[in-house]
């Protein structure tokens, strides 16, 4: 099972795409690995700084709730990736 989720070239491509979308940064193997480890431990990797700034700007009245929702999105996206694999 581990191979299917973390080593398979298709899986790595899928996770890299997710991490690139999440962070807004160009994907790298090291960055993807950090997110894979967070996902495996069912943790949400820190919201990228530029995304946090967007959340603060757009949801000034309830930043805490917006950050919670953003983290929930990570769990949903990670589950979709796992399901697709």
Protein backbone atom coordinates (compact mmCIF):
# COMPACT_ATOMS: atom_id res chain seq x y z
CA UNK A 1 0.00 0.00 0.00
CA UNK A 2 2.78 2.44 0.86
CA UNK A 3 4.14 2.19 -2.68
CA UNK A 4 0.75 3.05 -4.14
CA UNK A 5 0.32 6.21 -2.09
CA UNK A 6 3.84 7.61 -1.79
CA UNK A 7 6.20 6.08 -4.36
CA UNK A 8 4.20 5.34 -7.50
CA UNK A 9 5.03 7.96 -10.19
CA UNK A 10 1.33 8.67 -10.76
CA UNK A 11 0.79 9.17 -7.04
CA UNK A 12 3.79 11.47 -6.74
CA UNK A 13 2.51 13.51 -9.71
CA UNK A 14 -0.95 13.79 -8.13
CA UNK A 15 0.41 14.84 -4.74
CA UNK A 16 2.83 17.30 -6.36
CA UNK A 17 -0.08 18.89 -8.22
CA UNK A 18 -2.07 19.19 -4.99
CA UNK A 19 0.85 20.70 -3.06
CA UNK A 20 1.60 23.12 -5.89
CA UNK A 21 -2.02 24.25 -5.93
CA UNK A 22 -2.16 24.50 -2.13
CA UNK A 23 1.05 26.47 -1.73
CA UNK A 24 0.98 28.45 -4.96
CA UNK A 25 4.66 27.55 -5.31
CA UNK A 26 6.46 25.49 -7.89
CA UNK A 27 6.45 21.88 -6.76
CA UNK A 28 9.53 20.14 -5.41
CA UNK A 29 10.12 16.63 -4.19
CA UNK A 30 11.18 17.90 -0.74
CA UNK A 31 8.12 20.14 -0.37
CA UNK A 32 5.81 17.35 -1.50
CA UNK A 33 7.44 14.97 1.00
CA UNK A 34 6.71 17.41 3.83
CA UNK A 35 3.05 17.43 2.88
CA UNK A 36 2.95 13.65 2.51
CA UNK A 37 4.28 13.26 6.03
CA UNK A 38 1.70 15.72 7.34
CA UNK A 39 -1.05 13.87 5.49
CA UNK A 40 0.13 10.48 6.77
CA UNK A 41 -0.05 11.79 10.33
CA UNK A 42 -3.45 13.36 9.58
CA UNK A 43 -2.07 16.84 10.24
CA UNK A 44 -2.62 19.94 8.19
CA UNK A 45 0.58 21.46 6.93
CA UNK A 46 0.81 25.15 7.76
CA UNK A 47 -1.21 27.42 5.54
CA UNK A 48 1.28 29.16 3.23
CA UNK A 49 2.01 32.76 4.22
CA UNK A 50 0.58 34.30 1.04
CA UNK A 51 -2.60 32.24 1.43
CA UNK A 52 -2.90 33.38 5.05
CA UNK A 53 -2.66 36.99 3.90
CA UNK A 54 -5.44 36.40 1.35
CA UNK A 55 -7.63 34.82 4.05
CA UNK A 56 -7.02 37.77 6.39
CA UNK A 57 -7.85 40.27 3.66
CA UNK A 58 -11.00 38.56 2.38
CA UNK A 59 -12.43 37.42 5.69
CA UNK A 60 -11.54 40.27 8.03
CA UNK A 61 -14.59 39.68 10.21
CA UNK A 62 -13.78 36.05 10.98
CA UNK A 63 -10.18 35.14 10.23
CA UNK A 64 -10.13 32.23 12.70
CA UNK A 65 -13.13 30.55 11.06
CA UNK A 66 -11.71 31.18 7.59
CA UNK A 67 -8.41 29.54 8.57
CA UNK A 68 -10.31 26.57 10.02
CA UNK A 69 -12.23 26.22 6.77
CA UNK A 70 -9.01 26.47 4.75
CA UNK A 71 -7.47 23.65 6.81
CA UNK A 72 -10.61 21.61 6.31
CA UNK A 73 -10.14 22.06 2.56
CA UNK A 74 -6.71 20.46 2.89
CA UNK A 75 -8.24 17.38 4.55
CA UNK A 76 -10.84 17.13 1.79
CA UNK A 77 -8.29 17.51 -1.00
CA UNK A 78 -5.96 14.98 0.62
CA UNK A 79 -8.83 12.50 0.96
CA UNK A 80 -9.73 12.98 -2.71
CA UNK A 81 -6.13 12.23 -3.66
CA UNK A 82 -6.10 9.10 -1.53
CA UNK A 83 -9.42 7.97 -2.97
CA UNK A 84 -8.26 8.56 -6.55
CA UNK A 85 -5.21 6.39 -5.94
